[in-house]
Amino acid sequence: MSSLLDQSALLQVAEQLVGAARRNGADAADAVAVRGMSLSVGVREGSVEESQRAESDNVGLRVFVGKRQAVVSTNDLRAETGDQLAERAVAMARVAPQDQFAGLADPEQLAREIPDLDLLDPELPNVERLENTARAAEASALAVIGVSKSGGASASVGIGGMVLVTSHGFRGSYLGSRHDISMQAIAGDGTEMESDYDFSSALHTTDLEAAERVGRAAGERAVKRLKPRKVATCRVPVVFEPRVARSVLGHFASAINGSAIARKSSFLKDKLGEHLFSRGITIVDDPLRKRGLRSHPFDAEGVAGKRRAIVADGKLTTWILDSASARELGLTTTGHAQRGVSSSPSPSASNLHLEPGSATPAALIADIANGFYVTDLIGMGANIVTGDYSCGAAGFWIENGELSYPVSEVTIAGQLLEMFSTLAPANDLEFRFGINAPTIRIEGLTVAGL
């Protein structure tokens, strides 16, 4: 375990690669080393179905010759391999097309301090404990009246992190842990069977929901979906439970991604500074939230992160940018670069959430005579170029302010700009995922059924 937490060897490899790149003629370079370890156990009907363990160290080198760049990667960390890798990368960069926006992050934007975000749980479970956790989740689901089968339960733990070294002086590293529990339950029998699931993810075991609660929730959700009805096509208010509400926030994040804006492939490309949401709506991205699932002390270019209100009082305040997309747009990076070992950086949101409103979920649906409460979505859902939204859905029909009966095999459709403008959040925000939202209500979506 202690060897997994020691990144000094990876830091040395990254420094050697950057040095080798400069010696071979690179004007600038950076190296990223990524460590990963995962351990998982899956059970079904009381028997262990799979048990897996994986460990890997990988390193990527990005070099610049003028405005030309190349990226190479390897999992062979020997010093002689690094010299060959650097030589090959520089040769590739010399014949690559010019990219006027390529380059390392501006030095003044680099993180000067590495904050402690409490990302690593020092106590990781062994295989036996993971197996017991998965069994507990499954047993709890099967104990729910109406649940007929198990779709499988799993428990896993992992460690992931990165080392980043640049030729203009940045040196940084971090590690984080990840714990997961999941359960899929099947209710009913014959041709009248429905399934649903629940899961919990956290960086620390102490923040993970109990396996019994996860299993019970999966079973109860599956039973509630039995004997669904279809509904006639109509235009009604649609309410998204938190687990699916976050997908709407995900579509918004994709539409304000700097790469999409620079390519002019987003329906929001001309909307910076405009009120897209109702006043009072705030959407926050916070890479520095302690124990956040997507927290990191610096981004993949070494830029310091900070908490940002992406939307403030309904107004879009910024794009999500890395250095290259920022230069192309004549702006400054927002510290949102992400990167794998075999690719150059690209922008991506970190811990993104929609601030809660004041109304309870019950109050949010109380005045709906007919509407749809969504608990499950199927398909990608959104065309970011046009803003058109269409997604398969299941959930419950709302009648006179109450959830009445389960509904399945319908499609909900609308236009994202219109959806954003009528979006209303409830007060039940919980931080369970990388992207989080409370229950939300959106007016006037088309529910296509019979």
Protein backbone atom coordinates (compact mmCIF):
# COMPACT_ATOMS: atom_id res chain seq x y z
CA MET A 1 0.00 0.00 0.00
CA SER A 2 2.75 2.46 0.94
CA SER A 3 4.43 1.99 -2.44
CA LEU A 4 1.21 2.99 -4.22
CA LEU A 5 1.14 6.26 -2.30
CA ASP A 6 4.74 7.15 -3.07
CA GLN A 7 4.86 9.12 -6.32
CA SER A 8 8.53 10.12 -6.08
CA ALA A 9 9.56 7.65 -8.79
CA LEU A 10 6.87 8.97 -11.14
CA LEU A 11 8.00 12.53 -10.45
CA GLN A 12 11.56 11.56 -11.31
CA VAL A 13 10.43 9.91 -14.57
CA ALA A 14 8.45 13.00 -15.57
CA GLU A 15 11.41 15.28 -14.84
CA GLN A 16 13.72 13.05 -16.87
CA LEU A 17 11.33 13.10 -19.82
CA VAL A 18 11.06 16.88 -19.84
CA GLY A 19 14.84 17.20 -19.59
CA ALA A 20 15.34 14.70 -22.42
CA ALA A 21 12.87 16.60 -24.61
CA ARG A 22 14.76 19.85 -24.12
CA ARG A 23 18.09 18.17 -24.87
CA ASN A 24 16.63 16.80 -28.11
CA GLY A 25 15.58 20.23 -29.34
CA ALA A 26 12.12 20.91 -27.86
CA ASP A 27 11.43 24.56 -27.10
CA ALA A 28 9.08 23.54 -24.29
CA ALA A 29 7.63 20.35 -22.88
CA ASP A 30 5.47 18.88 -20.15
CA ALA A 31 5.09 15.36 -18.84
CA VAL A 32 2.17 13.83 -17.00
CA ALA A 33 2.39 10.53 -15.12
CA VAL A 34 -0.82 8.81 -14.06
CA ARG A 35 -1.06 6.13 -11.39
CA GLY A 36 -4.10 3.90 -11.05
CA MET A 37 -5.14 0.97 -8.86
CA SER A 38 -8.55 -0.66 -8.73
CA LEU A 39 -10.03 -3.56 -6.80
CA SER A 40 -13.62 -4.72 -7.32
CA VAL A 41 -15.90 -7.58 -6.38
CA GLY A 42 -19.23 -8.39 -7.98
CA VAL A 43 -21.83 -10.80 -6.63
CA ARG A 44 -25.07 -12.16 -8.05
CA GLU A 45 -27.60 -14.38 -6.29
CA GLY A 46 -25.24 -14.89 -3.37
CA SER A 47 -22.21 -16.00 -5.40
CA VAL A 48 -19.11 -14.05 -6.35
CA GLU A 49 -19.40 -13.37 -10.06
CA GLU A 50 -16.13 -11.55 -10.57
CA SER A 51 -13.15 -10.26 -8.64
CA GLN A 52 -10.67 -7.97 -10.34
CA ARG A 53 -7.53 -6.09 -9.43
CA ALA A 54 -5.53 -3.80 -11.70
CA GLU A 55 -2.53 -1.53 -11.24
CA SER A 56 -0.84 0.71 -13.77
CA ASP A 57 1.63 3.55 -14.14
CA ASN A 58 1.57 5.45 -17.43
CA VAL A 59 3.39 8.53 -18.59
CA GLY A 60 2.77 10.99 -21.41
CA LEU A 61 5.12 13.57 -22.91
CA ARG A 62 4.02 16.65 -24.82
CA VAL A 63 6.68 18.61 -26.70
CA PHE A 64 6.66 21.90 -28.59
CA VAL A 65 8.88 22.95 -31.46
CA GLY A 66 7.78 26.48 -32.18
CA LYS A 67 4.02 26.26 -32.57
CA ARG A 68 4.10 22.60 -33.50
CA GLN A 69 3.32 19.98 -30.88
CA ALA A 70 3.30 16.22 -30.47
CA VAL A 71 2.19 13.86 -27.70
CA VAL A 72 3.59 10.38 -27.00
CA SER A 73 2.94 7.96 -24.14
CA THR A 74 4.21 4.72 -22.64
CA ASN A 75 3.88 2.43 -19.65
CA ASP A 76 7.59 1.52 -19.83
CA LEU A 77 9.21 3.77 -17.24
CA ARG A 78 12.85 2.78 -17.78
CA ALA A 79 15.28 5.69 -18.28
CA GLU A 80 16.51 4.45 -21.67
CA THR A 81 12.92 4.24 -22.91
CA GLY A 82 12.37 7.84 -21.84
CA ASP A 83 15.27 9.07 -23.95
CA GLN A 84 13.94 7.26 -27.00
CA LEU A 85 10.42 8.56 -26.31
CA ALA A 86 11.63 12.15 -26.11
CA GLU A 87 13.64 11.84 -29.33
CA ARG A 88 10.61 10.41 -31.15
CA ALA A 89 8.28 13.09 -29.80
CA VAL A 90 10.52 15.93 -30.95
CA ALA A 91 10.84 14.35 -34.40
CA MET A 92 7.05 14.10 -34.61
CA ALA A 93 6.58 17.71 -33.53
CA ARG A 94 8.94 19.00 -36.23
CA VAL A 95 6.67 17.64 -38.97
CA ALA A 96 3.34 18.36 -37.24
CA PRO A 97 1.09 21.16 -38.53
CA GLN A 98 1.43 24.52 -36.82
CA ASP A 99 -1.10 25.40 -34.14
CA GLN A 100 -0.97 29.08 -33.24
CA PHE A 101 -2.80 28.46 -29.96
CA ALA A 102 -0.60 25.59 -28.71
CA GLY A 103 1.71 26.06 -25.77
CA LEU A 104 2.16 25.66 -22.06
CA ALA A 105 0.04 27.63 -19.63
CA ASP A 106 1.21 31.18 -18.91
CA PRO A 107 3.65 31.05 -15.96
CA GLU A 108 1.74 33.60 -13.87
CA GLN A 109 -1.32 31.32 -13.87
CA LEU A 110 0.45 28.30 -12.40
CA ALA A 111 -0.45 27.05 -8.94
CA ARG A 112 2.06 28.28 -6.37
CA GLU A 113 0.68 26.22 -3.51
CA ILE A 114 -0.85 22.75 -3.52
CA PRO A 115 -3.85 22.82 -1.14
CA ASP A 116 -4.78 19.74 0.88
CA LEU A 117 -8.24 18.72 -0.36
CA ASP A 118 -8.41 15.51 1.71
CA LEU A 119 -8.68 13.36 -1.40
CA LEU A 120 -7.02 10.19 -0.10
CA ASP A 121 -8.51 7.68 2.33
CA PRO A 122 -5.58 5.97 4.08
CA GLU A 123 -7.70 2.93 5.00
CA LEU A 124 -8.69 0.91 1.93
CA PRO A 125 -10.76 -2.28 2.14
CA ASN A 126 -9.46 -5.70 1.14
CA VAL A 127 -11.22 -8.24 -1.09
CA GLU A 128 -13.05 -9.88 1.80
CA ARG A 129 -14.51 -6.60 2.99
CA LEU A 130 -15.59 -5.64 -0.52
CA GLU A 131 -17.27 -9.01 -0.94
CA ASN A 132 -19.14 -8.57 2.34
CA THR A 133 -20.23 -5.10 1.28
CA ALA A 134 -21.58 -6.33 -2.06
CA ARG A 135 -23.38 -9.23 -0.37
CA ALA A 136 -24.97 -6.85 2.14
CA ALA A 137 -26.28 -4.63 -0.66
CA GLU A 138 -27.73 -7.59 -2.54
CA ALA A 139 -29.32 -9.15 0.54
CA SER A 140 -30.96 -5.86 1.45
CA ALA A 141 -32.42 -5.50 -2.05
CA LEU A 142 -33.72 -9.07 -2.15
CA ALA A 143 -35.42 -8.54 1.22
CA VAL A 144 -37.71 -5.90 -0.32
CA ILE A 145 -41.14 -7.39 -0.94
CA GLY A 146 -41.74 -7.62 -4.68
CA VAL A 147 -38.08 -7.99 -5.68
CA SER A 148 -37.70 -11.30 -7.51
CA LYS A 149 -34.10 -11.32 -8.73
CA SER A 150 -30.76 -9.66 -8.37
CA GLY A 151 -29.19 -7.92 -11.31
CA GLY A 152 -25.93 -7.95 -9.40
CA ALA A 153 -24.22 -5.96 -6.67
CA SER A 154 -20.68 -4.67 -6.64
CA ALA A 155 -18.24 -2.94 -4.35
CA SER A 156 -14.97 -1.41 -5.46
CA VAL A 157 -12.11 0.78 -4.37
CA GLY A 158 -9.47 2.58 -6.37
CA ILE A 159 -6.61 5.03 -6.22
CA GLY A 160 -5.88 7.52 -8.95
CA GLY A 161 -3.68 10.53 -9.28
CA MET A 162 -1.21 12.37 -11.42
CA VAL A 163 2.21 13.97 -11.51
CA LEU A 164 2.79 17.01 -13.72
CA VAL A 165 6.16 18.51 -14.63
CA THR A 166 6.65 21.36 -17.10
CA SER A 167 9.75 22.89 -18.63
CA HIS A 168 8.81 26.31 -17.26
CA GLY A 169 9.09 25.25 -13.67
CA PHE A 170 5.90 23.59 -12.46
CA ARG A 171 6.16 20.47 -10.29
CA GLY A 172 3.06 19.02 -8.70
CA SER A 173 1.33 15.77 -7.78
CA TYR A 174 -1.75 14.47 -6.02
CA LEU A 175 -3.53 11.19 -5.26
CA GLY A 176 -7.13 10.41 -4.49
CA SER A 177 -9.12 7.35 -3.50
CA ARG A 178 -12.56 6.25 -4.67
CA HIS A 179 -15.10 3.89 -3.07
CA ASP A 180 -18.20 2.63 -4.88
CA ILE A 181 -21.21 0.45 -4.04
CA SER A 182 -23.92 -0.41 -6.56
CA MET A 183 -26.94 -2.69 -6.77
CA GLN A 184 -29.41 -3.53 -9.53
CA ALA A 185 -32.70 -5.08 -8.46
CA ILE A 186 -35.36 -6.81 -10.59
CA ALA A 187 -39.00 -6.83 -9.49
CA GLY A 188 -41.96 -8.81 -10.81
CA ASP A 189 -41.93 -11.90 -12.96
CA GLY A 190 -42.69 -13.21 -16.44
CA THR A 191 -43.42 -10.41 -18.90
CA GLU A 192 -44.06 -7.92 -16.11
CA MET A 193 -40.59 -7.31 -14.79
CA GLU A 194 -38.94 -3.98 -14.04
CA SER A 195 -35.46 -3.14 -12.83
CA ASP A 196 -33.80 -0.20 -11.16
CA TYR A 197 -30.58 0.50 -9.35
CA ASP A 198 -28.89 2.62 -6.76
CA PHE A 199 -25.29 3.39 -5.97
CA SER A 200 -23.03 5.43 -3.76
CA SER A 201 -19.60 6.91 -4.50
CA ALA A 202 -17.21 8.73 -2.20
CA LEU A 203 -13.51 9.38 -1.75
CA HIS A 204 -13.58 8.26 1.90
CA THR A 205 -15.29 5.19 3.33
CA THR A 206 -16.87 7.30 6.05
CA ASP A 207 -18.73 9.33 3.42
CA LEU A 208 -20.08 6.25 1.63
CA GLU A 209 -23.71 5.33 2.15
CA ALA A 210 -24.37 2.04 3.93
CA ALA A 211 -24.54 -0.99 1.63
CA GLU A 212 -27.89 -1.94 3.17
CA ARG A 213 -29.38 1.45 2.30
CA VAL A 214 -28.10 1.24 -1.28
CA GLY A 215 -29.59 -2.22 -1.73
CA ARG A 216 -32.90 -1.33 -0.13
CA ALA A 217 -33.23 1.79 -2.28
CA ALA A 218 -32.54 -0.22 -5.45
CA GLY A 219 -35.20 -2.76 -4.49
CA GLU A 220 -37.80 -0.18 -3.58
CA ARG A 221 -37.22 1.75 -6.79
CA ALA A 222 -37.65 -1.41 -8.88
CA VAL A 223 -40.93 -2.36 -7.13
CA LYS A 224 -42.37 1.12 -7.61
CA ARG A 225 -41.86 0.76 -11.37
CA LEU A 226 -44.08 -2.33 -11.69
CA LYS A 227 -47.13 -2.18 -13.96
CA PRO A 228 -46.21 1.04 -15.76
CA ARG A 229 -48.67 2.78 -18.04
CA LYS A 230 -48.26 4.73 -21.22
CA VAL A 231 -49.58 8.23 -21.61
CA ALA A 232 -50.95 10.18 -24.53
CA THR A 233 -48.63 12.71 -26.13
CA CYS A 234 -48.96 16.06 -24.38
CA ARG A 235 -47.11 19.19 -23.34
CA VAL A 236 -46.77 19.41 -19.56
CA PRO A 237 -44.42 20.48 -16.75
CA VAL A 238 -41.66 17.94 -16.20
CA VAL A 239 -39.91 17.41 -12.88
CA PHE A 240 -36.52 15.68 -12.74
CA GLU A 241 -35.42 13.91 -9.58
CA PRO A 242 -31.84 14.82 -8.51
CA ARG A 243 -30.28 11.70 -10.01
CA VAL A 244 -31.42 12.67 -13.50
CA ALA A 245 -31.57 16.45 -13.00
CA ARG A 246 -27.80 16.52 -13.10
CA SER A 247 -27.90 15.39 -16.75
CA VAL A 248 -29.46 18.73 -17.71
CA LEU A 249 -26.55 20.44 -15.97
CA GLY A 250 -24.18 18.17 -17.89
CA HIS A 251 -25.67 19.30 -21.21
CA PHE A 252 -25.19 22.90 -20.13
CA ALA A 253 -21.54 22.21 -19.26
CA SER A 254 -20.96 20.67 -22.69
CA ALA A 255 -22.50 23.70 -24.38
CA ILE A 256 -20.16 26.16 -22.60
CA ASN A 257 -17.04 24.06 -23.13
CA GLY A 258 -14.34 26.27 -24.62
CA SER A 259 -13.51 23.79 -27.38
CA ALA A 260 -17.13 23.81 -28.61
CA ILE A 261 -17.28 27.59 -28.39
CA ALA A 262 -14.03 28.00 -30.35
CA ARG A 263 -15.31 25.62 -33.05
CA LYS A 264 -18.65 27.49 -33.07
CA SER A 265 -20.36 24.14 -32.55
CA SER A 266 -22.48 25.15 -29.54
CA PHE A 267 -25.93 26.72 -29.54
CA LEU A 268 -24.65 28.99 -26.74
CA LYS A 269 -21.70 30.38 -28.71
CA ASP A 270 -23.06 33.94 -28.67
CA LYS A 271 -24.66 33.90 -25.21
CA LEU A 272 -21.81 34.91 -22.88
CA GLY A 273 -23.05 37.56 -20.45
CA GLU A 274 -26.71 36.87 -21.16
CA HIS A 275 -29.42 35.72 -18.75
CA LEU A 276 -30.05 32.11 -19.74
CA PHE A 277 -31.77 31.19 -16.48
CA SER A 278 -34.21 32.92 -14.18
CA ARG A 279 -32.78 35.46 -11.76
CA GLY A 280 -31.63 33.82 -8.57
CA ILE A 281 -30.23 30.76 -10.37
CA THR A 282 -26.57 30.05 -9.56
CA ILE A 283 -24.38 27.30 -11.03
CA VAL A 284 -21.01 26.76 -9.38
CA ASP A 285 -17.87 24.91 -10.42
CA ASP A 286 -15.52 24.20 -7.52
CA PRO A 287 -12.39 22.08 -8.10
CA LEU A 288 -11.20 22.83 -4.55
CA ARG A 289 -14.13 21.36 -2.65
CA LYS A 290 -12.77 19.07 0.05
CA ARG A 291 -13.47 15.39 -0.69
CA GLY A 292 -15.22 16.30 -3.94
CA LEU A 293 -15.38 13.50 -6.49
CA ARG A 294 -13.75 15.69 -9.15
CA SER A 295 -11.58 17.83 -6.90
CA HIS A 296 -7.98 18.57 -7.81
CA PRO A 297 -5.45 21.11 -6.50
CA PHE A 298 -4.35 22.10 -10.02
CA ASP A 299 -5.51 21.31 -13.52
CA ALA A 300 -3.72 19.29 -16.21
CA GLU A 301 -1.63 22.32 -17.17
CA GLY A 302 -0.64 23.18 -13.62
CA VAL A 303 -3.05 26.11 -13.41
CA ALA A 304 -4.49 26.89 -10.00
CA GLY A 305 -8.20 26.15 -9.72
CA LYS A 306 -10.76 28.24 -7.89
CA ARG A 307 -14.45 28.25 -7.09
CA ARG A 308 -16.41 30.01 -9.84
CA ALA A 309 -20.03 30.97 -10.32
CA ILE A 310 -20.43 29.85 -13.94
CA VAL A 311 -23.95 31.26 -13.78
CA ALA A 312 -24.65 34.10 -11.34
CA ASP A 313 -28.20 35.39 -10.82
CA GLY A 314 -29.20 33.64 -14.04
CA LYS A 315 -26.40 35.17 -16.15
CA LEU A 316 -23.73 33.14 -17.96
CA THR A 317 -20.45 34.59 -16.69
CA THR A 318 -17.73 32.47 -18.32
CA TRP A 319 -16.85 29.59 -20.59
CA ILE A 320 -15.04 26.48 -19.34
CA LEU A 321 -11.52 26.97 -20.71
CA ASP A 322 -8.08 25.50 -20.94
CA SER A 323 -5.11 27.51 -22.25
CA ALA A 324 -5.51 26.63 -25.94
CA SER A 325 -9.26 27.34 -26.15
CA ALA A 326 -8.76 30.52 -24.11
CA ARG A 327 -6.08 31.80 -26.52
CA GLU A 328 -8.29 31.02 -29.49
CA LEU A 329 -11.11 33.03 -27.92
CA GLY A 330 -8.85 35.86 -26.76
CA LEU A 331 -9.53 35.03 -23.10
CA THR A 332 -7.70 33.60 -20.09
CA THR A 333 -7.87 29.97 -19.03
CA THR A 334 -10.29 29.21 -16.21
CA GLY A 335 -8.12 26.32 -14.97
CA HIS A 336 -10.32 23.58 -16.40
CA ALA A 337 -7.75 21.60 -18.41
CA GLN A 338 -7.94 17.83 -18.21
CA ARG A 339 -5.62 15.38 -19.91
CA GLY A 340 -4.81 11.73 -20.39
CA VAL A 341 -1.28 10.53 -21.04
CA SER A 342 -1.89 10.16 -24.79
CA SER A 343 -3.66 13.44 -25.49
CA SER A 344 -3.16 17.16 -25.23
CA PRO A 345 -5.23 19.07 -22.64
CA SER A 346 -8.89 19.90 -23.23
CA PRO A 347 -11.39 21.79 -21.04
CA SER A 348 -13.83 20.02 -18.72
CA ALA A 349 -15.89 20.97 -15.68
CA SER A 350 -14.87 19.77 -12.22
CA ASN A 351 -17.32 19.65 -9.28
CA LEU A 352 -20.31 21.35 -10.90
CA HIS A 353 -23.55 21.99 -9.04
CA LEU A 354 -26.79 23.94 -9.26
CA GLU A 355 -27.47 25.88 -6.08
CA PRO A 356 -30.74 24.83 -4.38
CA GLY A 357 -33.90 26.89 -4.32
CA SER A 358 -36.23 27.47 -1.39
CA ALA A 359 -39.16 25.19 -2.29
CA THR A 360 -39.37 21.56 -1.22
CA PRO A 361 -39.74 18.92 -3.95
CA ALA A 362 -43.37 18.43 -2.84
CA ALA A 363 -44.04 22.15 -3.18
CA LEU A 364 -42.43 22.13 -6.62
CA ILE A 365 -45.10 19.72 -7.93
CA ALA A 366 -48.02 20.80 -5.73
CA ASP A 367 -49.70 22.97 -8.39
CA ILE A 368 -49.22 20.54 -11.31
CA ALA A 369 -52.56 19.13 -12.45
CA ASN A 370 -50.90 16.87 -15.02
CA GLY A 371 -47.17 16.39 -15.38
CA PHE A 372 -44.32 13.95 -15.48
CA TYR A 373 -41.83 13.12 -12.71
CA VAL A 374 -38.69 11.64 -14.31
CA THR A 375 -36.59 9.04 -12.50
CA ASP A 376 -34.72 7.45 -15.41
CA LEU A 377 -33.38 8.66 -18.75
CA ILE A 378 -32.28 6.64 -21.78
CA GLY A 379 -29.99 7.94 -24.52
CA MET A 380 -27.66 10.90 -24.92
CA GLY A 381 -30.48 13.42 -24.97
CA ALA A 382 -29.09 16.65 -26.41
CA ASN A 383 -27.72 18.08 -29.64
CA ILE A 384 -25.25 20.69 -28.42
CA VAL A 385 -24.99 22.28 -31.88
CA THR A 386 -28.72 23.09 -32.12
CA GLY A 387 -29.86 22.86 -28.50
CA ASP A 388 -32.54 20.31 -29.36
CA TYR A 389 -33.33 17.93 -26.51
CA SER A 390 -34.95 14.49 -26.80
CA CYS A 391 -34.55 11.58 -24.45
CA GLY A 392 -36.27 8.32 -23.57
CA ALA A 393 -37.65 8.45 -20.04
CA ALA A 394 -39.45 6.60 -17.28
CA GLY A 395 -40.92 7.82 -14.03
CA PHE A 396 -44.29 8.66 -12.53
CA TRP A 397 -47.28 10.64 -13.72
CA ILE A 398 -48.23 13.65 -11.64
CA GLU A 399 -51.95 14.20 -11.01
CA ASN A 400 -53.22 17.05 -8.89
CA GLY A 401 -49.85 17.64 -7.28
CA GLU A 402 -49.19 13.99 -6.37
CA LEU A 403 -47.24 11.11 -7.92
CA SER A 404 -49.91 8.69 -9.11
CA TYR A 405 -48.70 5.77 -11.27
CA PRO A 406 -45.49 4.61 -13.01
CA VAL A 407 -44.89 5.56 -16.63
CA SER A 408 -42.43 4.07 -19.12
CA GLU A 409 -41.63 4.00 -22.84
CA VAL A 410 -42.07 7.73 -23.39
CA THR A 411 -39.85 10.42 -24.82
CA ILE A 412 -39.44 13.91 -23.45
CA ALA A 413 -38.45 16.66 -25.86
CA GLY A 414 -37.80 20.36 -25.87
CA GLN A 415 -35.22 23.04 -26.59
CA LEU A 416 -32.43 23.56 -24.08
CA LEU A 417 -32.56 27.37 -24.18
CA GLU A 418 -36.25 27.29 -23.34
CA MET A 419 -35.62 24.61 -20.70
CA PHE A 420 -32.94 26.72 -19.01
CA SER A 421 -35.20 29.77 -18.96
CA THR A 422 -37.99 28.00 -17.02
CA LEU A 423 -35.83 25.81 -14.80
CA ALA A 424 -36.74 26.00 -11.09
CA PRO A 425 -34.71 24.15 -8.41
CA ALA A 426 -35.96 22.61 -5.18
CA ASN A 427 -34.11 22.71 -1.86
CA ASP A 428 -32.84 19.10 -1.79
CA LEU A 429 -29.31 19.43 -3.16
CA GLU A 430 -26.91 16.70 -2.05
CA PHE A 431 -23.30 16.24 -3.15
CA ARG A 432 -23.33 12.63 -4.37
CA PHE A 433 -21.77 12.89 -7.84
CA GLY A 434 -19.29 14.93 -9.85
CA ILE A 435 -22.21 16.96 -11.20
CA ASN A 436 -24.98 17.63 -8.70
CA ALA A 437 -28.41 19.23 -8.85
CA PRO A 438 -31.49 19.29 -6.67
CA THR A 439 -34.91 18.30 -7.97
CA ILE A 440 -35.74 20.64 -10.85
CA ARG A 441 -38.96 21.61 -12.61
CA ILE A 442 -39.08 22.63 -16.27
CA GLU A 443 -42.18 23.98 -17.94
CA GLY A 444 -43.73 22.96 -21.23
CA LEU A 445 -41.82 19.89 -22.36
CA THR A 446 -43.42 17.50 -24.82
CA VAL A 447 -44.01 14.01 -23.45
CA ALA A 448 -44.43 11.72 -26.45
CA GLY A 449 -46.30 8.52 -25.68
CA LEU A 450 -49.33 6.90 -27.31
